[in-house]
PDB file of all heavy atoms in Angstrom:
ATOM      1  N   THR A   1     -30.018  11.136 130.620  1.00  0.00           N
ATOM      2  CA  THR A   1     -28.829  10.307 130.491  1.00  0.00           C
ATOM      3  C   THR A   1     -27.770  11.165 129.857  1.00  0.00           C
ATOM      4  O   THR A   1     -28.019  11.773 128.792  1.00  0.00           O
ATOM      5  CB  THR A   1     -29.152   9.057 129.712  1.00  0.00           C
ATOM      6  OG1 THR A   1     -29.995   8.141 130.411  1.00  0.00           O
ATOM      7  CG2 THR A   1     -27.822   8.352 129.345  1.00  0.00           C
ATOM      8  N   MET A   2     -26.582  11.215 130.467  1.00  0.00           N
ATOM      9  CA  MET A   2     -25.494  11.979 129.871  1.00  0.00           C
ATOM     10  C   MET A   2     -24.418  11.053 129.370  1.00  0.00           C
ATOM     11  O   MET A   2     -24.185   9.995 129.999  1.00  0.00           O
ATOM     12  CB  MET A   2     -24.890  12.903 130.982  1.00  0.00           C
ATOM     13  CG  MET A   2     -25.927  13.928 131.579  1.00  0.00           C
ATOM     14  SD  MET A   2     -26.584  15.000 130.402  1.00  0.00           S
ATOM     15  CE  MET A   2     -25.093  15.924 129.803  1.00  0.00           C
ATOM     16  N   ALA A   3     -23.788  11.483 128.329  1.00  0.00           N
ATOM     17  CA  ALA A   3     -22.834  10.639 127.705  1.00  0.00           C
ATOM     18  C   ALA A   3     -21.656  11.425 127.121  1.00  0.00           C
ATOM     19  O   ALA A   3     -21.847  12.570 126.779  1.00  0.00           O
ATOM     20  CB  ALA A   3     -23.480   9.736 126.629  1.00  0.00           C
ATOM     21  N   TRP A   4     -20.624  10.766 126.901  1.00  0.00           N
ATOM     22  CA  TRP A   4     -19.487  11.334 126.143  1.00  0.00           C
ATOM     23  C   TRP A   4     -19.248  10.440 124.897  1.00  0.00           C
ATOM     24  O   TRP A   4     -19.209   9.148 125.015  1.00  0.00           O
ATOM     25  CB  TRP A   4     -18.178  11.321 126.925  1.00  0.00           C
ATOM     26  CG  TRP A   4     -18.205  12.311 128.033  1.00  0.00           C
ATOM     27  CD1 TRP A   4     -18.543  12.184 129.365  1.00  0.00           C
ATOM     28  CD2 TRP A   4     -17.865  13.683 127.881  1.00  0.00           C
ATOM     29  NE1 TRP A   4     -18.359  13.379 130.006  1.00  0.00           N
ATOM     30  CE2 TRP A   4     -17.965  14.354 129.216  1.00  0.00           C
ATOM     31  CE3 TRP A   4     -17.341  14.516 126.870  1.00  0.00           C
ATOM     32  CZ2 TRP A   4     -17.675  15.644 129.392  1.00  0.00           C
ATOM     33  CZ3 TRP A   4     -17.063  15.791 127.085  1.00  0.00           C
ATOM     34  CH2 TRP A   4     -17.204  16.395 128.368  1.00  0.00           C
ATOM     35  N   TYR A   5     -19.170  11.090 123.805  1.00  0.00           N
ATOM     36  CA  TYR A   5     -18.792  10.406 122.509  1.00  0.00           C
ATOM     37  C   TYR A   5     -17.514  11.017 122.038  1.00  0.00           C
ATOM     38  O   TYR A   5     -17.028  12.070 122.509  1.00  0.00           O
ATOM     39  CB  TYR A   5     -19.892  10.628 121.475  1.00  0.00           C
ATOM     40  CG  TYR A   5     -21.145   9.893 121.622  1.00  0.00           C
ATOM     41  CD1 TYR A   5     -22.066  10.199 122.663  1.00  0.00           C
ATOM     42  CD2 TYR A   5     -21.550   8.894 120.787  1.00  0.00           C
ATOM     43  CE1 TYR A   5     -23.256   9.471 122.798  1.00  0.00           C
ATOM     44  CE2 TYR A   5     -22.668   8.141 120.927  1.00  0.00           C
ATOM     45  CZ  TYR A   5     -23.517   8.445 121.883  1.00  0.00           C
ATOM     46  OH  TYR A   5     -24.730   7.821 122.094  1.00  0.00           O
ATOM     47  N   ARG A   6     -16.904  10.316 121.058  1.00  0.00           N
ATOM     48  CA  ARG A   6     -15.707  10.905 120.474  1.00  0.00           C
ATOM     49  C   ARG A   6     -15.696  10.612 118.940  1.00  0.00           C
ATOM     50  O   ARG A   6     -16.302   9.641 118.500  1.00  0.00           O
ATOM     51  CB  ARG A   6     -14.400  10.378 121.104  1.00  0.00           C
ATOM     52  CG  ARG A   6     -14.092   8.932 120.845  1.00  0.00           C
ATOM     53  CD  ARG A   6     -12.872   8.463 121.714  1.00  0.00           C
ATOM     54  NE  ARG A   6     -12.399   7.187 121.277  1.00  0.00           N
ATOM     55  CZ  ARG A   6     -11.427   6.486 121.962  1.00  0.00           C
ATOM     56  NH1 ARG A   6     -10.824   7.092 123.029  1.00  0.00           N
ATOM     57  NH2 ARG A   6     -11.043   5.322 121.511  1.00  0.00           N
ATOM     58  N   GLN A   7     -14.980  11.467 118.230  1.00  0.00           N
ATOM     59  CA  GLN A   7     -14.789  11.271 116.751  1.00  0.00           C
ATOM     60  C   GLN A   7     -13.412  11.628 116.378  1.00  0.00           C
ATOM     61  O   GLN A   7     -12.947  12.768 116.560  1.00  0.00           O
ATOM     62  CB  GLN A   7     -15.850  12.088 116.033  1.00  0.00           C
ATOM     63  CG  GLN A   7     -15.856  11.812 114.512  1.00  0.00           C
ATOM     64  CD  GLN A   7     -17.094  12.368 113.839  1.00  0.00           C
ATOM     65  OE1 GLN A   7     -17.729  13.310 114.360  1.00  0.00           O
ATOM     66  NE2 GLN A   7     -17.455  11.852 112.692  1.00  0.00           N
ATOM     67  N   ALA A   8     -12.687  10.653 115.841  1.00  0.00           N
ATOM     68  CA  ALA A   8     -11.337  10.788 115.292  1.00  0.00           C
ATOM     69  C   ALA A   8     -11.465  11.145 113.864  1.00  0.00           C
ATOM     70  O   ALA A   8     -12.401  10.807 113.216  1.00  0.00           O
ATOM     71  CB  ALA A   8     -10.514   9.618 115.572  1.00  0.00           C
ATOM     72  N   PRO A   9     -10.456  11.761 113.312  1.00  0.00           N
ATOM     73  CA  PRO A   9     -10.472  12.143 111.886  1.00  0.00           C
ATOM     74  C   PRO A   9     -10.666  10.897 111.016  1.00  0.00           C
ATOM     75  O   PRO A   9     -10.033   9.876 111.160  1.00  0.00           O
ATOM     76  CB  PRO A   9      -9.057  12.733 111.689  1.00  0.00           C
ATOM     77  CG  PRO A   9      -8.668  13.236 112.943  1.00  0.00           C
ATOM     78  CD  PRO A   9      -9.233  12.367 113.964  1.00  0.00           C
ATOM     79  N   GLY A  10     -11.662  10.959 110.108  1.00  0.00           N
ATOM     80  CA  GLY A  10     -11.947   9.865 109.179  1.00  0.00           C
ATOM     81  C   GLY A  10     -12.728   8.749 109.803  1.00  0.00           C
ATOM     82  O   GLY A  10     -12.886   7.738 109.108  1.00  0.00           O
ATOM     83  N   LYS A  11     -13.143   8.897 111.033  1.00  0.00           N
ATOM     84  CA  LYS A  11     -13.829   7.784 111.685  1.00  0.00           C
ATOM     85  C   LYS A  11     -15.267   8.221 112.164  1.00  0.00           C
ATOM     86  O   LYS A  11     -15.515   9.435 112.209  1.00  0.00           O
ATOM     87  CB  LYS A  11     -13.063   7.272 112.965  1.00  0.00           C
ATOM     88  CG  LYS A  11     -11.779   6.614 112.541  1.00  0.00           C
ATOM     89  CD  LYS A  11     -11.163   5.978 113.758  1.00  0.00           C
ATOM     90  CE  LYS A  11      -9.893   5.204 113.428  1.00  0.00           C
ATOM     91  NZ  LYS A  11      -9.273   4.503 114.574  1.00  0.00           N
ATOM     92  N   GLN A  12     -16.097   7.296 112.401  1.00  0.00           N
ATOM     93  CA  GLN A  12     -17.476   7.634 112.842  1.00  0.00           C
ATOM     94  C   GLN A  12     -17.423   8.009 114.342  1.00  0.00           C
ATOM     95  O   GLN A  12     -16.530   7.638 115.040  1.00  0.00           O
ATOM     96  CB  GLN A  12     -18.335   6.383 112.684  1.00  0.00           C
ATOM     97  CG  GLN A  12     -18.778   6.168 111.215  1.00  0.00           C
ATOM     98  CD  GLN A  12     -19.848   5.127 111.072  1.00  0.00           C
ATOM     99  OE1 GLN A  12     -20.043   4.260 111.949  1.00  0.00           O
ATOM    100  NE2 GLN A  12     -20.664   5.188 110.014  1.00  0.00           N
ATOM    101  N   ARG A  13     -18.372   8.755 114.735  1.00  0.00           N
ATOM    102  CA  ARG A  13     -18.531   9.129 116.092  1.00  0.00           C
ATOM    103  C   ARG A  13     -18.967   7.823 116.946  1.00  0.00           C
ATOM    104  O   ARG A  13     -19.781   7.111 116.478  1.00  0.00           O
ATOM    105  CB  ARG A  13     -19.622  10.203 116.286  1.00  0.00           C
ATOM    106  CG  ARG A  13     -19.636  10.823 117.730  1.00  0.00           C
ATOM    107  CD  ARG A  13     -20.586  12.047 117.696  1.00  0.00           C
ATOM    108  NE  ARG A  13     -20.185  13.081 116.833  1.00  0.00           N
ATOM    109  CZ  ARG A  13     -20.756  14.291 116.811  1.00  0.00           C
ATOM    110  NH1 ARG A  13     -21.730  14.580 117.645  1.00  0.00           N
ATOM    111  NH2 ARG A  13     -20.299  15.219 115.940  1.00  0.00           N
ATOM    112  N   GLU A  14     -18.282   7.707 118.102  1.00  0.00           N
ATOM    113  CA  GLU A  14     -18.508   6.509 118.872  1.00  0.00           C
ATOM    114  C   GLU A  14     -18.738   6.862 120.370  1.00  0.00           C
ATOM    115  O   GLU A  14     -18.217   7.832 120.812  1.00  0.00           O
ATOM    116  CB  GLU A  14     -17.318   5.497 118.727  1.00  0.00           C
ATOM    117  CG  GLU A  14     -15.971   6.121 119.181  1.00  0.00           C
ATOM    118  CD  GLU A  14     -14.835   5.188 118.923  1.00  0.00           C
ATOM    119  OE1 GLU A  14     -15.042   4.071 118.372  1.00  0.00           O
ATOM    120  OE2 GLU A  14     -13.685   5.586 119.167  1.00  0.00           O
ATOM    121  N   LEU A  15     -19.599   5.978 120.969  1.00  0.00           N
ATOM    122  CA  LEU A  15     -19.834   6.175 122.386  1.00  0.00           C
ATOM    123  C   LEU A  15     -18.641   5.781 123.232  1.00  0.00           C
ATOM    124  O   LEU A  15     -18.010   4.739 123.058  1.00  0.00           O
ATOM    125  CB  LEU A  15     -21.000   5.326 122.798  1.00  0.00           C
ATOM    126  CG  LEU A  15     -21.447   5.338 124.268  1.00  0.00           C
ATOM    127  CD1 LEU A  15     -21.936   6.684 124.725  1.00  0.00           C
ATOM    128  CD2 LEU A  15     -22.393   4.272 124.604  1.00  0.00           C
ATOM    129  N   VAL A  16     -18.298   6.651 124.158  1.00  0.00           N
ATOM    130  CA  VAL A  16     -17.184   6.458 125.091  1.00  0.00           C
ATOM    131  C   VAL A  16     -17.739   5.948 126.430  1.00  0.00           C
ATOM    132  O   VAL A  16     -17.303   4.898 126.919  1.00  0.00           O
ATOM    133  CB  VAL A  16     -16.382   7.679 125.306  1.00  0.00           C
ATOM    134  CG1 VAL A  16     -15.256   7.445 126.345  1.00  0.00           C
ATOM    135  CG2 VAL A  16     -15.742   8.141 123.952  1.00  0.00           C
ATOM    136  N   ALA A  17     -18.700   6.667 126.964  1.00  0.00           N
ATOM    137  CA  ALA A  17     -19.234   6.274 128.318  1.00  0.00           C
ATOM    138  C   ALA A  17     -20.514   7.079 128.479  1.00  0.00           C
ATOM    139  O   ALA A  17     -20.757   8.139 127.896  1.00  0.00           O
ATOM    140  CB  ALA A  17     -18.276   6.739 129.416  1.00  0.00           C
ATOM    141  N   GLN A  18     -21.415   6.484 129.313  1.00  0.00           N
ATOM    142  CA  GLN A  18     -22.687   7.121 129.611  1.00  0.00           C
ATOM    143  C   GLN A  18     -23.021   6.884 131.073  1.00  0.00           C
ATOM    144  O   GLN A  18     -22.544   5.950 131.675  1.00  0.00           O
ATOM    145  CB  GLN A  18     -23.803   6.681 128.720  1.00  0.00           C
ATOM    146  CG  GLN A  18     -24.259   5.230 128.957  1.00  0.00           C
ATOM    147  CD  GLN A  18     -25.445   4.921 128.070  1.00  0.00           C
ATOM    148  OE1 GLN A  18     -25.627   5.425 126.945  1.00  0.00           O
ATOM    149  NE2 GLN A  18     -26.293   4.013 128.535  1.00  0.00           N
ATOM    150  N   ILE A  19     -23.871   7.794 131.589  1.00  0.00           N
ATOM    151  CA  ILE A  19     -24.352   7.712 132.928  1.00  0.00           C
ATOM    152  C   ILE A  19     -25.819   8.056 132.951  1.00  0.00           C
ATOM    153  O   ILE A  19     -26.153   9.128 132.458  1.00  0.00           O
ATOM    154  CB  ILE A  19     -23.491   8.582 133.969  1.00  0.00           C
ATOM    155  CG1 ILE A  19     -23.984   8.331 135.406  1.00  0.00           C
ATOM    156  CG2 ILE A  19     -23.474   9.961 133.532  1.00  0.00           C
ATOM    157  CD1 ILE A  19     -22.925   8.903 136.456  1.00  0.00           C
ATOM    158  N   THR A  20     -26.610   7.208 133.521  1.00  0.00           N
ATOM    159  CA  THR A  20     -28.073   7.474 133.532  1.00  0.00           C
ATOM    160  C   THR A  20     -28.442   8.379 134.665  1.00  0.00           C
ATOM    161  O   THR A  20     -27.603   8.846 135.447  1.00  0.00           O
ATOM    162  CB  THR A  20     -28.863   6.189 133.769  1.00  0.00           C
ATOM    163  OG1 THR A  20     -28.619   5.672 135.082  1.00  0.00           O
ATOM    164  CG2 THR A  20     -28.440   5.092 132.731  1.00  0.00           C
ATOM    165  N   SER A  21     -29.691   8.848 134.634  1.00  0.00           N
ATOM    166  CA  SER A  21     -30.190   9.682 135.716  1.00  0.00           C
ATOM    167  C   SER A  21     -30.011   9.103 137.024  1.00  0.00           C
ATOM    168  O   SER A  21     -29.841   9.782 138.096  1.00  0.00           O
ATOM    169  CB  SER A  21     -31.628  10.137 135.444  1.00  0.00           C
ATOM    170  OG  SER A  21     -32.463   8.954 135.339  1.00  0.00           O
ATOM    171  N   GLY A  22     -30.064   7.735 137.119  1.00  0.00           N
ATOM    172  CA  GLY A  22     -29.922   7.054 138.348  1.00  0.00           C
ATOM    173  C   GLY A  22     -28.504   6.787 138.764  1.00  0.00           C
ATOM    174  O   GLY A  22     -28.262   6.156 139.823  1.00  0.00           O
ATOM    175  N   GLY A  23     -27.544   7.108 137.839  1.00  0.00           N
ATOM    176  CA  GLY A  23     -26.151   6.908 138.194  1.00  0.00           C
ATOM    177  C   GLY A  23     -25.526   5.635 137.636  1.00  0.00           C
ATOM    178  O   GLY A  23     -24.347   5.396 137.944  1.00  0.00           O
ATOM    179  N   THR A  24     -26.300   4.900 136.871  1.00  0.00           N
ATOM    180  CA  THR A  24     -25.746   3.659 136.320  1.00  0.00           C
ATOM    181  C   THR A  24     -24.784   4.098 135.124  1.00  0.00           C
ATOM    182  O   THR A  24     -25.137   4.923 134.298  1.00  0.00           O
ATOM    183  CB  THR A  24     -26.831   2.815 135.708  1.00  0.00           C
ATOM    184  OG1 THR A  24     -27.683   2.392 136.785  1.00  0.00           O
ATOM    185  CG2 THR A  24     -26.217   1.551 135.111  1.00  0.00           C
ATOM    186  N   THR A  25     -23.613   3.483 135.082  1.00  0.00           N
ATOM    187  CA  THR A  25     -22.609   3.851 134.150  1.00  0.00           C
ATOM    188  C   THR A  25     -22.374   2.627 133.117  1.00  0.00           C
ATOM    189  O   THR A  25     -22.628   1.507 133.476  1.00  0.00           O
ATOM    190  CB  THR A  25     -21.264   4.180 134.792  1.00  0.00           C
ATOM    191  OG1 THR A  25     -20.840   3.100 135.589  1.00  0.00           O
ATOM    192  CG2 THR A  25     -21.388   5.386 135.644  1.00  0.00           C
ATOM    193  N   ASN A  26     -21.974   3.081 131.989  1.00  0.00           N
ATOM    194  CA  ASN A  26     -21.582   2.080 130.941  1.00  0.00           C
ATOM    195  C   ASN A  26     -20.381   2.608 130.175  1.00  0.00           C
ATOM    196  O   ASN A  26     -20.400   3.848 129.884  1.00  0.00           O
ATOM    197  CB  ASN A  26     -22.807   1.827 130.006  1.00  0.00           C
ATOM    198  CG  ASN A  26     -22.599   0.770 129.025  1.00  0.00           C
ATOM    199  OD1 ASN A  26     -22.080  -0.282 129.285  1.00  0.00           O
ATOM    200  ND2 ASN A  26     -22.921   1.018 127.739  1.00  0.00           N
ATOM    201  N   TYR A  27     -19.470   1.725 129.816  1.00  0.00           N
ATOM    202  CA  TYR A  27     -18.276   2.151 129.129  1.00  0.00           C
ATOM    203  C   TYR A  27     -18.025   1.331 127.859  1.00  0.00           C
ATOM    204  O   TYR A  27     -18.300   0.182 127.860  1.00  0.00           O
ATOM    205  CB  TYR A  27     -17.068   2.009 130.053  1.00  0.00           C
ATOM    206  CG  TYR A  27     -17.101   2.867 131.286  1.00  0.00           C
ATOM    207  CD1 TYR A  27     -17.680   2.415 132.424  1.00  0.00           C
ATOM    208  CD2 TYR A  27     -16.592   4.128 131.247  1.00  0.00           C
ATOM    209  CE1 TYR A  27     -17.673   3.225 133.559  1.00  0.00           C
ATOM    210  CE2 TYR A  27     -16.629   4.997 132.360  1.00  0.00           C
ATOM    211  CZ  TYR A  27     -17.199   4.483 133.530  1.00  0.00           C
ATOM    212  OH  TYR A  27     -17.255   5.310 134.614  1.00  0.00           O
ATOM    213  N   ALA A  28     -17.390   1.981 126.878  1.00  0.00           N
ATOM    214  CA  ALA A  28     -16.934   1.259 125.738  1.00  0.00           C
ATOM    215  C   ALA A  28     -15.772   0.375 126.222  1.00  0.00           C
ATOM    216  O   ALA A  28     -15.001   0.768 127.105  1.00  0.00           O
ATOM    217  CB  ALA A  28     -16.498   2.189 124.638  1.00  0.00           C
ATOM    218  N   ASP A  29     -15.586  -0.770 125.581  1.00  0.00           N
ATOM    219  CA  ASP A  29     -14.533  -1.690 125.951  1.00  0.00           C
ATOM    220  C   ASP A  29     -13.156  -1.049 125.887  1.00  0.00           C
ATOM    221  O   ASP A  29     -12.293  -1.283 126.734  1.00  0.00           O
ATOM    222  CB  ASP A  29     -14.515  -2.911 125.090  1.00  0.00           C
ATOM    223  CG  ASP A  29     -15.708  -3.846 125.485  1.00  0.00           C
ATOM    224  OD1 ASP A  29     -16.268  -3.727 126.528  1.00  0.00           O
ATOM    225  OD2 ASP A  29     -16.007  -4.717 124.629  1.00  0.00           O
ATOM    226  N   PHE A  30     -12.979  -0.154 124.938  1.00  0.00           N
ATOM    227  CA  PHE A  30     -11.658   0.449 124.749  1.00  0.00           C
ATOM    228  C   PHE A  30     -11.192   1.425 125.819  1.00  0.00           C
ATOM    229  O   PHE A  30     -10.113   1.944 125.832  1.00  0.00           O
ATOM    230  CB  PHE A  30     -11.488   1.039 123.332  1.00  0.00           C
ATOM    231  CG  PHE A  30     -12.538   2.015 122.979  1.00  0.00           C
ATOM    232  CD1 PHE A  30     -12.528   3.360 123.422  1.00  0.00           C
ATOM    233  CD2 PHE A  30     -13.584   1.672 122.152  1.00  0.00           C
ATOM    234  CE1 PHE A  30     -13.548   4.226 123.056  1.00  0.00           C
ATOM    235  CE2 PHE A  30     -14.577   2.568 121.789  1.00  0.00           C
ATOM    236  CZ  PHE A  30     -14.574   3.788 122.182  1.00  0.00           C
ATOM    237  N   VAL A  31     -12.126   1.816 126.690  1.00  0.00           N
ATOM    238  CA  VAL A  31     -11.836   2.775 127.753  1.00  0.00           C
ATOM    239  C   VAL A  31     -11.960   2.131 129.225  1.00  0.00           C
ATOM    240  O   VAL A  31     -11.666   2.745 130.204  1.00  0.00           O
ATOM    241  CB  VAL A  31     -12.549   4.112 127.691  1.00  0.00           C
ATOM    242  CG1 VAL A  31     -12.282   4.685 126.381  1.00  0.00           C
ATOM    243  CG2 VAL A  31     -14.091   3.886 127.958  1.00  0.00           C
ATOM    244  N   LYS A  32     -12.508   0.917 129.217  1.00  0.00           N
ATOM    245  CA  LYS A  32     -12.790   0.330 130.542  1.00  0.00           C
ATOM    246  C   LYS A  32     -11.483   0.267 131.334  1.00  0.00           C
ATOM    247  O   LYS A  32     -10.441  -0.188 130.893  1.00  0.00           O
ATOM    248  CB  LYS A  32     -13.424  -1.023 130.379  1.00  0.00           C
ATOM    249  CG  LYS A  32     -14.861  -1.085 130.041  1.00  0.00           C
ATOM    250  CD  LYS A  32     -15.415  -2.467 129.963  1.00  0.00           C
ATOM    251  CE  LYS A  32     -16.901  -2.445 129.627  1.00  0.00           C
ATOM    252  NZ  LYS A  32     -17.493  -3.778 129.417  1.00  0.00           N
ATOM    253  N   GLY A  33     -11.623   0.678 132.622  1.00  0.00           N
ATOM    254  CA  GLY A  33     -10.414   0.667 133.537  1.00  0.00           C
ATOM    255  C   GLY A  33      -9.578   1.849 133.435  1.00  0.00           C
ATOM    256  O   GLY A  33      -8.708   2.087 134.216  1.00  0.00           O
ATOM    257  N   ARG A  34      -9.808   2.742 132.446  1.00  0.00           N
ATOM    258  CA  ARG A  34      -8.993   3.959 132.269  1.00  0.00           C
ATOM    259  C   ARG A  34      -9.838   5.203 132.429  1.00  0.00           C
ATOM    260  O   ARG A  34      -9.314   6.188 132.958  1.00  0.00           O
ATOM    261  CB  ARG A  34      -8.353   3.898 130.813  1.00  0.00           C
ATOM    262  CG  ARG A  34      -7.449   2.771 130.576  1.00  0.00           C
ATOM    263  CD  ARG A  34      -6.658   2.968 129.312  1.00  0.00           C
ATOM    264  NE  ARG A  34      -7.514   3.042 128.108  1.00  0.00           N
ATOM    265  CZ  ARG A  34      -7.548   4.065 127.206  1.00  0.00           C
ATOM    266  NH1 ARG A  34      -6.692   5.096 127.402  1.00  0.00           N
ATOM    267  NH2 ARG A  34      -8.332   3.988 126.169  1.00  0.00           N
ATOM    268  N   PHE A  35     -11.077   5.211 132.001  1.00  0.00           N
ATOM    269  CA  PHE A  35     -11.907   6.424 132.029  1.00  0.00           C
ATOM    270  C   PHE A  35     -13.014   6.152 133.077  1.00  0.00           C
ATOM    271  O   PHE A  35     -13.470   5.065 133.259  1.00  0.00           O
ATOM    272  CB  PHE A  35     -12.522   6.618 130.692  1.00  0.00           C
ATOM    273  CG  PHE A  35     -11.599   7.084 129.547  1.00  0.00           C
ATOM    274  CD1 PHE A  35     -10.245   7.070 129.701  1.00  0.00           C
ATOM    275  CD2 PHE A  35     -12.160   7.550 128.351  1.00  0.00           C
ATOM    276  CE1 PHE A  35      -9.354   7.373 128.684  1.00  0.00           C
ATOM    277  CE2 PHE A  35     -11.333   7.909 127.276  1.00  0.00           C
ATOM    278  CZ  PHE A  35      -9.958   7.920 127.498  1.00  0.00           C
TER     279      PHE A  35
END
């Protein structure tokens, strides 16, 4: 499973999006429709 996380200054690392080996995707609410 591959994923992208991000970390802004002073904030915790957070999940942005992930894709499983089978191609299923999942997105954080703050990027849905954009990423």
